[in-house]
Amino acid sequence: MERFTLTTIVILLFASITKAQITKGSFYLGGSVGASSTKQKNNNSSTEGKSTWFAVNPALGVAVKSNLVAGIDLNYLHGSIENFSGNQDNKRKGYGSGIFLRKYFPISNRFYVFGQTGLGYLSQKYEYLQSPGYSYTSTNKQHSVSANIYPGVAIHVFKSLYFEAAFNDLLQIGYSTSTNTGNSNGSTDTWKQKDFGIRSSLSNGSYLNIGIRFIIPKK
């Protein structure tokens, strides 16, 4: 009887894990969208301060093997500050793309842990504009390449919907180059800078990211 019970448990456990497989050919859809808008009433002026920011990061992939997803992601961001007290008016725009590889490890029929690594490129442009209290203007153009790795967990909620939590950029290695052009009182200066660094999201307080993903099985 005990042998029969143990055998039954092993069979049920194996069946549970088998059901959890993300099958080869499944389509992966994910990413993130973020936006913010802040307004500030200036006491000494009729103008209103504005700070806006928008970013979108779609990700598409396919399961090249069971529980292994390879894909690409795109990045676009835009932001500006205008008439904001204590800040020089500025604009920021950026775009980029990358590739990633994500491995899922089934724990039960609806619960996974995963690890993801990726390589990405990002181009950004900052413009600091002439504004009250700031006569100096500058333009900064930056190009960066980075590699990252991070873990997470995912829960298969229903059908193709997955809920996940991840420590994004738990470890990131990056290299960037930038060209700065500044103008003050008719005089223009240009300088270039190169940076290499290793950082962790744990060091800046960005511990956990929560979101949803869609994984659509191949028919």
Foldseek 3Di string as FASTA:
>chain_A
DVVVVVVVVVVQQVVFQVLQKQAFFWKKKDWDKDKDKDWADDPVDPDIKIKIKIKTKIKIWGRNHIQKIKTKIKIWMKIWIDPDPPDFTKIKIKIKMKIKMKGWDDPGNWKTKMKMKMKMKMWMKMWGDDDVPDQKIKIKIKIKIKMAMWMKMWTCPDAFKIKIKIQPRQKMWMKMKMWMWMDHPRDIDIDIDIDTDMDGPVVVPSGMDIDMMGIHHDD
